[in-house]
Amino acid sequence: MKRNLLMVVLVFFLFVAPASAQDKLHVAVAANFISPFKELIQSFEKQTGIPVEATYASTGQLYTQIVNGAPYDLFLSADREKPDLLHQAGRADVPFVYATGQVVLWTKRKDLCQVKNWREVMAVPGLEKIAVANPKTAPYGAAAMETLKKTGVLENVQGKLVYAQNIAQAFQYAATGSVDAGFCALSATLSAEGRKGCFFSIAEAPPIVQSACLLKRTAHNETSGKFAKFLTSPEAVAIKKKYGYK
């Protein structure tokens, strides 16, 4: 009797436990989406029992990794371009929009928080360093640079720009005081650290439409599909709204 019970236990661990590990989803996530994604993971895992592991980096870096064979199941980009390119190349299913974000200017300097708008902040004499994500790899950085150019502000601040690897690092620079202000994602300003400073909306900046796609190399089509569906569920929408995403 005991021997039979032992065999049942062994069979359970041999077949059930490894399957659970194999079902873990690996998701490439744009750096602007770190905070909401962590909360989304908790909710999804609680509902389904399916573990999710995320890699956070700039959209351009993640795209390069995917093209070079990185074993991700899904890709949550900070733009529409990269998922579209993967789809056109036969590497991904049809992309879908999962969030729309906004680039803002954030600072923890109290004197700058008294200024009326972001353009006036750019003209403050004591402003020495401004963080911006690398526009070549980070859509939020590209949006910030595009706005600086079209408003004519870039010429006056070009020498003050400090380039971060991604939008999360741009916020980190500003939060630690390494720079006076930083172009960041609105979601970062709604975090506990973000509330220690202030942010300025940038009406001239384009909205950041963010797409996701299921990668065809995935071995987890069913579970990846479940997570993709969850991303647009009412519960996920409520979580994203908390962080300023539409």
Protein backbone atom coordinates (compact mmCIF):
# COMPACT_ATOMS: atom_id res chain seq x y z
CA MET A 1 0.00 0.00 0.00
CA LYS A 2 2.78 2.41 1.04
CA ARG A 3 4.78 1.41 -2.02
CA ASN A 4 1.83 2.18 -4.33
CA LEU A 5 1.33 5.54 -2.65
CA LEU A 6 5.02 6.38 -3.09
CA MET A 7 4.79 5.54 -6.79
CA VAL A 8 1.81 7.88 -7.18
CA VAL A 9 3.73 10.71 -5.48
CA LEU A 10 6.77 10.13 -7.70
CA VAL A 11 4.66 10.13 -10.85
CA PHE A 12 3.04 13.38 -9.71
CA PHE A 13 6.36 15.17 -9.29
CA LEU A 14 7.82 13.73 -12.48
CA PHE A 15 4.96 14.85 -14.69
CA VAL A 16 3.15 17.70 -12.98
CA ALA A 17 6.02 19.73 -11.49
CA PRO A 18 8.19 19.86 -14.63
CA ALA A 19 5.15 20.73 -16.75
CA SER A 20 4.50 23.70 -14.49
CA ALA A 21 8.08 24.91 -14.93
CA GLN A 22 7.86 24.43 -18.67
CA ASP A 23 4.65 26.48 -18.81
CA LYS A 24 6.39 29.59 -17.47
CA LEU A 25 5.89 32.48 -19.84
CA HIS A 26 8.86 34.64 -20.79
CA VAL A 27 7.81 38.15 -21.73
CA ALA A 28 9.93 40.97 -23.16
CA VAL A 29 8.58 44.22 -21.73
CA ALA A 30 9.40 47.83 -22.64
CA ALA A 31 10.97 49.65 -19.68
CA ASN A 32 8.18 52.22 -19.36
CA PHE A 33 5.75 49.46 -18.41
CA ILE A 34 7.65 47.98 -15.43
CA SER A 35 5.34 49.07 -12.60
CA PRO A 36 1.99 48.09 -14.13
CA PHE A 37 3.42 44.87 -15.53
CA LYS A 38 4.55 43.68 -12.11
CA GLU A 39 1.00 44.16 -10.85
CA LEU A 40 -0.44 42.48 -13.93
CA ILE A 41 1.80 39.46 -13.33
CA GLN A 42 0.55 39.10 -9.77
CA SER A 43 -3.07 39.21 -10.88
CA PHE A 44 -2.58 36.79 -13.78
CA GLU A 45 -0.62 34.27 -11.72
CA LYS A 46 -3.25 34.40 -8.98
CA GLN A 47 -6.02 33.70 -11.51
CA THR A 48 -4.31 31.01 -13.57
CA GLY A 49 -1.36 29.64 -11.61
CA ILE A 50 0.80 30.23 -14.70
CA PRO A 51 4.15 31.84 -13.76
CA VAL A 52 5.38 34.81 -15.77
CA GLU A 53 8.98 35.99 -16.03
CA ALA A 54 9.71 39.43 -17.46
CA THR A 55 12.77 40.98 -19.05
CA TYR A 56 12.70 44.79 -19.01
CA ALA A 57 14.72 46.91 -21.43
CA SER A 58 14.28 49.49 -24.17
CA THR A 59 12.08 48.51 -27.08
CA GLY A 60 15.01 48.62 -29.50
CA GLN A 61 17.16 46.37 -27.32
CA LEU A 62 14.38 43.81 -26.91
CA TYR A 63 13.62 43.85 -30.63
CA THR A 64 17.28 43.13 -31.42
CA GLN A 65 17.30 40.27 -28.92
CA ILE A 66 14.18 38.75 -30.50
CA VAL A 67 15.59 39.00 -34.02
CA ASN A 68 18.71 37.26 -32.76
CA GLY A 69 16.72 34.38 -31.31
CA ALA A 70 15.97 35.32 -27.69
CA PRO A 71 13.45 32.77 -26.30
CA TYR A 72 10.56 35.11 -25.45
CA ASP A 73 6.92 34.11 -25.76
CA LEU A 74 5.47 37.61 -25.98
CA PHE A 75 6.78 41.07 -26.73
CA LEU A 76 5.26 44.19 -25.16
CA SER A 77 6.71 47.06 -27.13
CA ALA A 78 6.57 50.81 -26.48
CA ASP A 79 5.66 51.45 -30.12
CA ARG A 80 3.72 49.90 -32.98
CA GLU A 81 6.62 49.72 -35.41
CA LYS A 82 8.65 46.88 -33.90
CA PRO A 83 5.77 44.40 -33.48
CA ASP A 84 4.65 45.23 -37.03
CA LEU A 85 8.14 44.49 -38.34
CA LEU A 86 8.20 41.14 -36.51
CA HIS A 87 4.81 40.27 -37.96
CA GLN A 88 5.86 41.23 -41.49
CA ALA A 89 8.97 39.07 -41.11
CA GLY A 90 6.86 36.08 -40.08
CA ARG A 91 8.22 36.09 -36.53
CA ALA A 92 5.02 37.11 -34.74
CA ASP A 93 1.24 36.93 -34.89
CA VAL A 94 -0.85 40.01 -35.68
CA PRO A 95 0.05 42.73 -33.13
CA PHE A 96 -2.55 44.38 -30.89
CA VAL A 97 -2.53 47.63 -28.92
CA TYR A 98 -2.35 47.03 -25.18
CA ALA A 99 -1.72 50.57 -23.87
CA THR A 100 -1.28 54.20 -24.81
CA GLY A 101 1.21 56.16 -22.74
CA GLN A 102 2.42 59.71 -22.38
CA VAL A 103 5.85 61.33 -22.08
CA VAL A 104 6.18 64.03 -19.41
CA LEU A 105 8.94 66.10 -17.82
CA TRP A 106 9.63 65.12 -14.17
CA THR A 107 11.79 66.68 -11.48
CA LYS A 108 12.31 66.42 -7.75
CA ARG A 109 13.66 69.96 -7.46
CA LYS A 110 11.16 72.04 -5.50
CA ASP A 111 12.18 75.28 -7.18
CA LEU A 112 11.48 73.82 -10.61
CA CYS A 113 8.09 72.58 -9.44
CA GLN A 114 7.08 76.24 -9.02
CA VAL A 115 7.57 76.93 -12.73
CA LYS A 116 4.42 77.13 -14.90
CA ASN A 117 5.16 74.66 -17.72
CA TRP A 118 7.81 72.38 -19.19
CA ARG A 119 9.07 74.93 -21.71
CA GLU A 120 9.74 77.44 -18.94
CA VAL A 121 11.60 74.72 -17.02
CA MET A 122 13.86 74.27 -20.03
CA ALA A 123 14.73 77.97 -19.84
CA VAL A 124 15.61 78.11 -16.12
CA PRO A 125 19.21 79.40 -15.82
CA GLY A 126 20.23 76.86 -13.18
CA LEU A 127 19.15 73.86 -15.24
CA GLU A 128 22.32 71.96 -16.10
CA LYS A 129 21.38 68.35 -16.91
CA ILE A 130 18.24 66.81 -18.45
CA ALA A 131 17.77 63.07 -18.85
CA VAL A 132 16.21 61.58 -21.95
CA ALA A 133 16.04 57.97 -23.09
CA ASN A 134 18.14 57.04 -26.12
CA PRO A 135 15.88 58.06 -29.04
CA LYS A 136 17.39 55.36 -31.26
CA THR A 137 16.11 52.52 -29.08
CA ALA A 138 13.43 54.04 -26.82
CA PRO A 139 10.13 55.34 -28.29
CA TYR A 140 9.59 57.64 -25.30
CA GLY A 141 13.01 59.15 -25.89
CA ALA A 142 12.21 59.54 -29.58
CA ALA A 143 8.94 61.31 -28.71
CA ALA A 144 10.76 63.67 -26.34
CA MET A 145 13.40 64.54 -28.94
CA GLU A 146 10.76 65.03 -31.62
CA THR A 147 8.96 67.47 -29.33
CA LEU A 148 12.14 69.38 -28.48
CA LYS A 149 12.86 69.78 -32.18
CA LYS A 150 9.42 70.88 -33.33
CA THR A 151 9.06 73.41 -30.49
CA GLY A 152 12.49 74.90 -31.15
CA VAL A 153 13.69 74.08 -27.63
CA LEU A 154 16.34 71.54 -28.66
CA GLU A 155 18.82 74.17 -29.82
CA ASN A 156 18.95 75.68 -26.33
CA VAL A 157 19.24 72.43 -24.35
CA GLN A 158 21.22 70.14 -26.67
CA GLY A 159 24.36 70.38 -24.54
CA LYS A 160 22.44 69.61 -21.35
CA LEU A 161 20.96 66.29 -22.45
CA VAL A 162 22.09 63.12 -20.70
CA TYR A 163 21.11 59.98 -22.60
CA ALA A 164 19.81 56.97 -20.66
CA GLN A 165 19.57 53.43 -21.99
CA ASN A 166 15.80 53.39 -21.52
CA ILE A 167 12.96 55.47 -20.08
CA ALA A 168 13.16 53.79 -16.67
CA GLN A 169 16.80 54.79 -16.37
CA ALA A 170 15.96 58.37 -17.39
CA PHE A 171 13.57 58.53 -14.44
CA GLN A 172 16.18 56.96 -12.16
CA TYR A 173 18.69 59.66 -13.11
CA ALA A 174 16.17 62.36 -12.17
CA ALA A 175 15.03 60.57 -9.00
CA THR A 176 18.58 60.22 -7.66
CA GLY A 177 19.44 63.82 -8.46
CA SER A 178 22.03 62.90 -11.07
CA VAL A 179 20.18 65.30 -13.38
CA ASP A 180 17.91 68.26 -12.71
CA ALA A 181 14.95 66.86 -14.63
CA GLY A 182 14.10 64.04 -16.97
CA PHE A 183 11.73 63.19 -19.77
CA CYS A 184 9.89 60.19 -18.35
CA ALA A 185 6.81 58.04 -18.79
CA LEU A 186 3.74 59.31 -16.95
CA SER A 187 3.53 55.91 -15.23
CA ALA A 188 6.83 56.54 -13.41
CA THR A 189 5.52 59.78 -11.90
CA LEU A 190 2.59 57.90 -10.35
CA SER A 191 4.88 55.59 -8.39
CA ALA A 192 5.83 56.16 -4.75
CA GLU A 193 9.15 57.66 -5.87
CA GLY A 194 7.45 59.72 -8.56
CA ARG A 195 5.18 61.39 -6.03
CA LYS A 196 8.24 62.84 -4.31
CA GLY A 197 8.60 65.23 -7.23
CA CYS A 198 6.34 66.86 -9.79
CA PHE A 199 5.71 66.46 -13.49
CA PHE A 200 4.78 68.71 -16.37
CA SER A 201 2.45 67.53 -19.11
CA ILE A 202 3.75 68.00 -22.64
CA ALA A 203 0.79 68.77 -24.89
CA GLU A 204 3.05 68.96 -27.95
CA ALA A 205 4.29 65.37 -27.51
CA PRO A 206 2.58 62.61 -29.48
CA PRO A 207 0.78 59.87 -27.53
CA ILE A 208 2.82 56.67 -27.25
CA VAL A 209 0.74 53.88 -28.77
CA GLN A 210 2.12 50.56 -27.53
CA SER A 211 1.58 47.22 -29.27
CA ALA A 212 2.20 43.64 -28.21
CA CYS A 213 2.59 40.45 -30.18
CA LEU A 214 2.82 36.70 -29.62
CA LEU A 215 6.06 35.38 -31.02
CA LYS A 216 5.76 32.38 -33.30
CA ARG A 217 8.77 30.63 -31.82
CA THR A 218 6.89 30.18 -28.54
CA ALA A 219 6.23 26.66 -27.31
CA HIS A 220 3.37 27.98 -25.17
CA ASN A 221 0.72 29.03 -27.65
CA GLU A 222 -2.19 28.32 -25.34
CA THR A 223 -0.80 30.02 -22.24
CA SER A 224 0.58 32.93 -24.28
CA GLY A 225 -2.87 33.39 -25.75
CA LYS A 226 -4.38 33.44 -22.27
CA PHE A 227 -2.00 36.16 -21.17
CA ALA A 228 -2.61 38.21 -24.33
CA LYS A 229 -6.35 38.02 -23.68
CA PHE A 230 -5.80 38.97 -20.04
CA LEU A 231 -3.92 42.13 -21.09
CA THR A 232 -7.14 43.58 -22.49
CA SER A 233 -9.46 42.31 -19.75
CA PRO A 234 -11.38 44.78 -17.50
CA GLU A 235 -9.11 43.92 -14.57
CA ALA A 236 -5.97 44.62 -16.60
CA VAL A 237 -7.46 47.84 -17.96
CA ALA A 238 -8.09 49.02 -14.38
CA ILE A 239 -4.49 48.27 -13.41
CA LYS A 240 -3.11 50.10 -16.43
CA LYS A 241 -5.35 53.09 -15.74
CA LYS A 242 -3.79 53.41 -12.26
CA TYR A 243 -0.47 54.09 -13.94
CA GLY A 244 -1.80 56.62 -16.43
CA TYR A 245 -2.23 54.34 -19.43
CA LYS A 246 -5.29 54.48 -21.66
